Protein backbone atom coordinates (compact mmCIF):
# COMPACT_ATOMS: atom_id res chain seq x y z
CA MET A 1 2.08 20.34 -2.69
CA HIS A 2 -0.01 17.50 -4.00
CA PRO A 3 -3.41 16.11 -2.99
CA ILE A 4 -3.70 12.48 -2.00
CA GLN A 5 -4.12 10.35 -5.09
CA ILE A 6 -7.02 7.97 -4.53
CA HIS A 7 -6.82 4.65 -6.36
CA PRO A 8 -9.41 1.85 -6.51
CA GLN A 9 -8.80 -0.59 -3.66
CA LYS A 10 -9.63 -4.24 -3.34
CA THR A 11 -11.41 -5.41 -0.22
CA LEU A 12 -9.05 -4.83 2.70
CA THR A 13 -8.22 -7.68 5.02
CA THR A 14 -8.53 -6.96 8.75
CA LEU A 15 -5.74 -8.33 10.95
CA ASN A 16 -6.48 -8.54 14.66
CA ALA A 17 -3.31 -9.72 16.36
CA ALA A 18 -4.18 -9.03 19.97
CA SER A 19 -3.44 -12.62 20.96
CA PHE A 20 -0.23 -12.87 18.91
CA GLY A 21 3.24 -12.63 20.34
CA LEU A 22 5.00 -9.62 18.81
CA SER A 23 7.19 -11.88 16.70
CA ALA A 24 4.16 -13.45 15.03
CA LEU A 25 2.53 -10.05 14.79
CA ILE A 26 5.42 -8.54 12.86
CA ILE A 27 5.58 -11.47 10.47
CA ALA A 28 1.80 -11.49 9.87
CA ALA A 29 1.07 -7.78 9.75
CA ALA A 30 4.24 -6.64 8.05
CA GLY A 31 4.02 -9.47 5.56
CA ALA A 32 0.41 -8.62 4.74
CA ALA A 33 1.21 -4.95 4.32
CA ALA A 34 4.32 -5.55 2.26
CA GLN A 35 3.13 -8.35 0.01
CA SER A 36 -0.59 -7.71 -0.57
CA ASP A 37 -2.22 -5.47 -3.16
CA ASN A 38 -3.01 -3.15 -0.25
CA ALA A 39 0.61 -2.36 0.59
CA LEU A 40 1.46 1.06 1.92
CA THR A 41 3.02 3.33 -0.66
CA THR A 42 6.72 3.95 -0.08
CA PRO A 43 7.42 7.71 -0.35
CA ASN A 44 10.21 8.72 -2.71
CA ARG A 45 13.47 10.11 -1.39
CA GLY A 46 13.17 13.81 -0.65
CA SER A 47 9.44 13.75 0.10
CA THR A 48 8.47 15.76 3.18
CA PHE A 49 5.55 15.46 5.63
CA ASP A 50 4.65 18.13 8.19
CA TYR A 51 2.77 17.40 11.42
CA ALA A 52 1.18 19.80 13.91
CA TRP A 53 0.98 18.72 17.57
CA ASP A 54 -1.83 19.87 19.82
CA TYR A 55 0.71 21.58 22.12
CA GLY A 56 2.16 23.72 19.31
CA GLN A 57 5.17 21.75 18.06
CA ILE A 58 5.70 21.23 14.33
CA ASP A 59 7.57 18.17 13.03
CA ARG A 60 8.89 17.66 9.52
CA PHE A 61 9.78 14.20 8.22
CA THR A 62 12.08 14.02 5.19
CA VAL A 63 12.53 10.66 3.45
CA LEU A 64 16.25 9.88 3.22
CA SER A 65 16.41 6.35 1.87
CA VAL A 66 14.90 2.91 1.55
CA GLU A 67 17.43 0.14 2.11
CA GLY A 68 16.48 -3.51 2.40
CA ASN A 69 13.60 -3.65 4.86
CA ARG A 70 14.32 -0.19 6.29
CA LEU A 71 12.68 3.18 5.69
CA ARG A 72 14.89 6.03 6.93
CA TYR A 73 13.76 9.60 7.71
CA ARG A 74 15.22 12.79 9.08
CA LEU A 75 12.95 14.34 11.70
CA ASP A 76 13.27 18.11 12.27
CA SER A 77 11.33 19.52 15.24
CA ASP A 78 10.15 23.10 15.71
CA TYR A 79 9.26 23.20 19.40
CA GLU A 80 7.61 26.64 19.44
CA GLY A 81 5.97 26.47 16.01
CA ASP A 82 7.80 29.65 15.01
CA GLY A 83 9.23 28.34 11.75
CA GLU A 84 12.70 27.61 13.17
CA PHE A 85 13.78 23.99 13.69
CA ASP A 86 15.28 23.37 17.13
CA ASP A 87 16.31 19.70 17.00
CA TRP A 88 16.80 16.81 14.61
CA SER A 89 17.11 13.03 14.66
CA ILE A 90 17.32 10.11 12.26
CA GLN A 91 14.36 7.72 12.40
CA TYR A 92 14.19 4.14 11.16
CA TYR A 93 11.00 2.20 10.39
CA GLN A 94 10.38 -1.37 9.32
CA LEU A 95 9.28 -1.02 5.71
CA GLY A 96 6.29 -3.36 5.42
CA GLY A 97 4.41 -2.91 8.69
CA ARG A 98 5.92 0.49 9.51
CA LEU A 99 7.00 -0.61 12.99
CA TRP A 100 9.12 2.14 14.56
CA LEU A 101 12.67 0.85 15.12
CA SER A 102 14.91 3.65 16.32
CA SER A 103 15.68 7.32 16.82
CA LEU A 104 19.26 8.56 16.73
CA ASN A 105 20.91 11.93 17.22
CA PRO A 106 24.25 13.07 18.72
CA GLU A 107 22.81 13.33 22.26
CA TYR A 108 20.79 10.15 22.66
CA ALA A 109 19.54 7.00 21.00
CA ILE A 110 16.39 4.93 21.45
CA VAL A 111 16.39 1.56 19.71
CA TYR A 112 14.01 -1.37 19.43
CA ALA A 113 16.23 -4.42 19.74
CA PRO A 114 15.99 -8.18 20.35
CA VAL A 115 14.92 -9.28 23.82
CA THR A 116 17.43 -9.63 26.65
CA GLY A 117 19.88 -12.44 25.98
CA ASP A 118 20.10 -11.75 22.25
CA ALA A 119 22.86 -9.69 20.74
CA MET A 120 22.31 -5.95 20.44
CA PRO A 121 22.12 -4.77 16.82
CA THR A 122 25.31 -3.30 15.38
CA GLU A 123 25.92 -0.91 12.52
CA ILE A 124 22.35 0.31 12.64
CA ASN A 125 23.20 3.07 10.18
CA ASP A 126 24.07 0.44 7.58
CA GLY A 127 20.53 -0.90 7.51
CA ASP A 128 20.58 -4.03 9.68
CA ARG A 129 17.26 -5.86 9.83
CA PHE A 130 15.58 -6.56 13.18
CA ILE A 131 13.69 -9.84 13.26
CA GLY A 132 11.71 -11.21 16.18
CA ARG A 133 10.16 -9.76 19.33
CA PHE A 134 11.35 -6.27 20.22
CA THR A 135 12.10 -4.42 23.41
CA GLN A 136 13.18 -0.82 23.79
CA PHE A 137 16.65 0.21 24.87
CA ALA A 138 17.52 3.85 25.66
CA SER A 139 21.12 5.08 25.94
CA ASP A 140 22.46 8.51 26.89
CA GLY A 141 25.43 8.18 24.54
CA PHE A 142 25.13 8.25 20.75
CA ALA A 143 25.65 4.66 19.51
CA ASP A 144 27.00 3.67 22.96
CA TRP A 145 25.07 0.56 23.95
CA SER A 146 27.22 -0.37 26.95
CA GLY A 147 25.45 1.91 29.45
CA THR A 148 22.29 1.40 31.45
CA PHE A 149 18.99 0.96 29.65
CA ASP A 150 15.27 0.77 30.18
CA GLU A 151 13.43 -2.23 28.79
CA VAL A 152 9.87 -2.17 27.47
CA GLN A 153 7.76 -4.98 26.06
CA THR A 154 5.67 -3.78 23.12
CA THR A 155 2.65 -5.34 21.43
CA CYS A 156 0.66 -3.91 18.53
CA ASP A 157 -2.63 -4.64 16.78
CA TYR A 158 -2.83 -3.91 13.04
CA SER A 159 -6.11 -3.30 11.24
CA PHE A 160 -7.25 -2.05 7.82
CA PRO A 161 -10.55 -0.14 8.29
CA ALA A 162 -13.02 -0.68 5.47
CA GLU A 163 -14.16 2.95 5.46
CA PRO A 164 -11.89 5.67 4.06
CA TYR A 165 -10.47 8.18 6.53
CA PRO A 166 -11.27 11.89 6.00
CA THR A 167 -8.37 14.37 5.98
CA ASP A 168 -7.87 18.00 4.93
CA PHE A 169 -6.48 16.58 1.66
CA GLY A 170 -9.33 14.21 0.85
CA GLU A 171 -10.26 10.68 1.88
CA THR A 172 -7.61 7.98 2.20
CA ARG A 173 -7.53 4.27 2.96
CA THR A 174 -5.61 3.50 6.12
CA MET A 175 -3.69 1.02 8.21
CA VAL A 176 -4.10 1.53 11.96
CA MET A 177 -1.39 0.51 14.45
CA ALA A 178 -2.62 0.35 18.06
CA CYS A 179 0.28 -0.37 20.43
CA GLU A 180 1.01 -0.81 24.12
CA ASP A 181 4.35 -0.50 25.93
CA VAL A 182 4.79 -2.25 29.28
CA PRO A 183 7.96 -1.79 31.39
CA VAL A 184 10.06 -4.86 32.18
CA TYR A 185 11.53 -5.22 35.66
CA ALA A 186 15.19 -5.94 36.38
CA ASP A 187 14.36 -9.65 36.80
CA GLY A 188 13.06 -9.73 33.21
CA VAL A 189 9.37 -9.94 34.17
CA ALA A 190 6.96 -7.49 32.57
CA SER A 191 4.75 -5.36 34.80
CA THR A 192 1.14 -6.47 35.29
CA ASP A 193 0.03 -3.11 36.73
CA PRO A 194 -2.54 -1.47 34.39
CA GLU A 195 -1.16 1.92 35.45
CA ASP A 196 2.17 1.04 33.81
CA VAL A 197 0.67 0.50 30.34
CA TYR A 198 1.53 3.21 27.81
CA SER A 199 -0.88 3.16 24.87
CA TYR A 200 -0.56 4.90 21.51
CA SER A 201 -1.89 4.59 17.98
CA GLU A 202 -0.99 5.73 14.47
CA THR A 203 -3.28 5.91 11.46
CA TRP A 204 -1.24 5.46 8.28
CA SER A 205 -2.42 6.47 4.82
CA LEU A 206 -2.00 3.62 2.34
CA GLU A 207 -1.64 6.16 -0.47
CA LEU A 208 0.98 8.33 1.22
CA GLY A 209 2.80 5.71 3.27
CA MET A 210 2.90 8.11 6.23
CA PRO A 211 0.63 8.69 9.26
CA VAL A 212 -2.28 11.11 8.97
CA THR A 213 -2.83 11.11 12.76
CA GLN A 214 -0.82 9.97 15.79
CA SER A 215 -2.07 9.71 19.39
CA PHE A 216 0.17 9.06 22.41
CA ASP A 217 -0.37 8.27 26.10
CA ILE A 218 -3.98 7.18 25.56
CA ASP A 219 -6.13 6.85 28.69
CA PRO A 220 -7.60 3.29 28.58
CA LYS A 221 -10.74 4.42 30.44
CA THR A 222 -11.64 7.51 28.41
CA GLY A 223 -9.77 6.92 25.15
CA ALA A 224 -8.39 10.47 25.36
CA ALA A 225 -4.75 10.98 24.33
CA ASP A 226 -2.28 13.21 26.16
CA SER A 227 -0.76 14.37 22.85
CA VAL A 228 -2.04 14.22 19.29
CA SER A 229 -0.57 15.19 15.94
CA ARG A 230 -2.09 15.45 12.48
CA LEU A 231 -0.68 15.74 8.99
CA VAL A 232 -0.94 19.38 7.89
CA ASP A 233 1.20 19.49 4.73
CA PHE A 234 3.26 17.26 2.47
CA ASP A 235 5.41 17.47 -0.63
CA LEU A 236 5.72 14.27 -2.70
CA ARG A 237 8.84 14.08 -4.85
């Protein structure tokens, strides 16, 4: 196992995209992350990252490949934290801004895809790029996009905190993604009910290129998250 390697950083630029459409957000935030001197490190193939959830589950991410604008991982989940993996899936992320794109396994698939009216992505395993505003489609059949689906409109704010983030492995510079999912009704109109908003955030280490903390189902009134994970171990290849 290796400690985080800390390198001198230039002044980080803060991006606040709360008023952007998601299309503009992806172009601005992903472009800044991918093209600036403050880009997230891309982990080498074979690197692993272990996360502990507050309810006892352990997740292990293994880097499989980088192809075009895609970062591909295998996610193995140990539900009981007993050292035995119970489930697996293949995860895809947008390389520059680390936007989550999809999760695939033989039982189900969840994919961020173009908005209704645009063509669904095909041959996702061959590294297609998704460009534009994204909504979430869930299907019960592996790679079967003809069934029913749920649609969610997602917006994210990206920021680069000036202060380093403390971890068990040392301090690290970070990129923070703060996102909200809002369900879209059958008529294509997004919900305006505050109770329907699902909030989550991920704090990514610029040195590691992986999250150091993740918080899901955040209460907008208290800021408390229903589930939280933290990086507990990693092996850089």
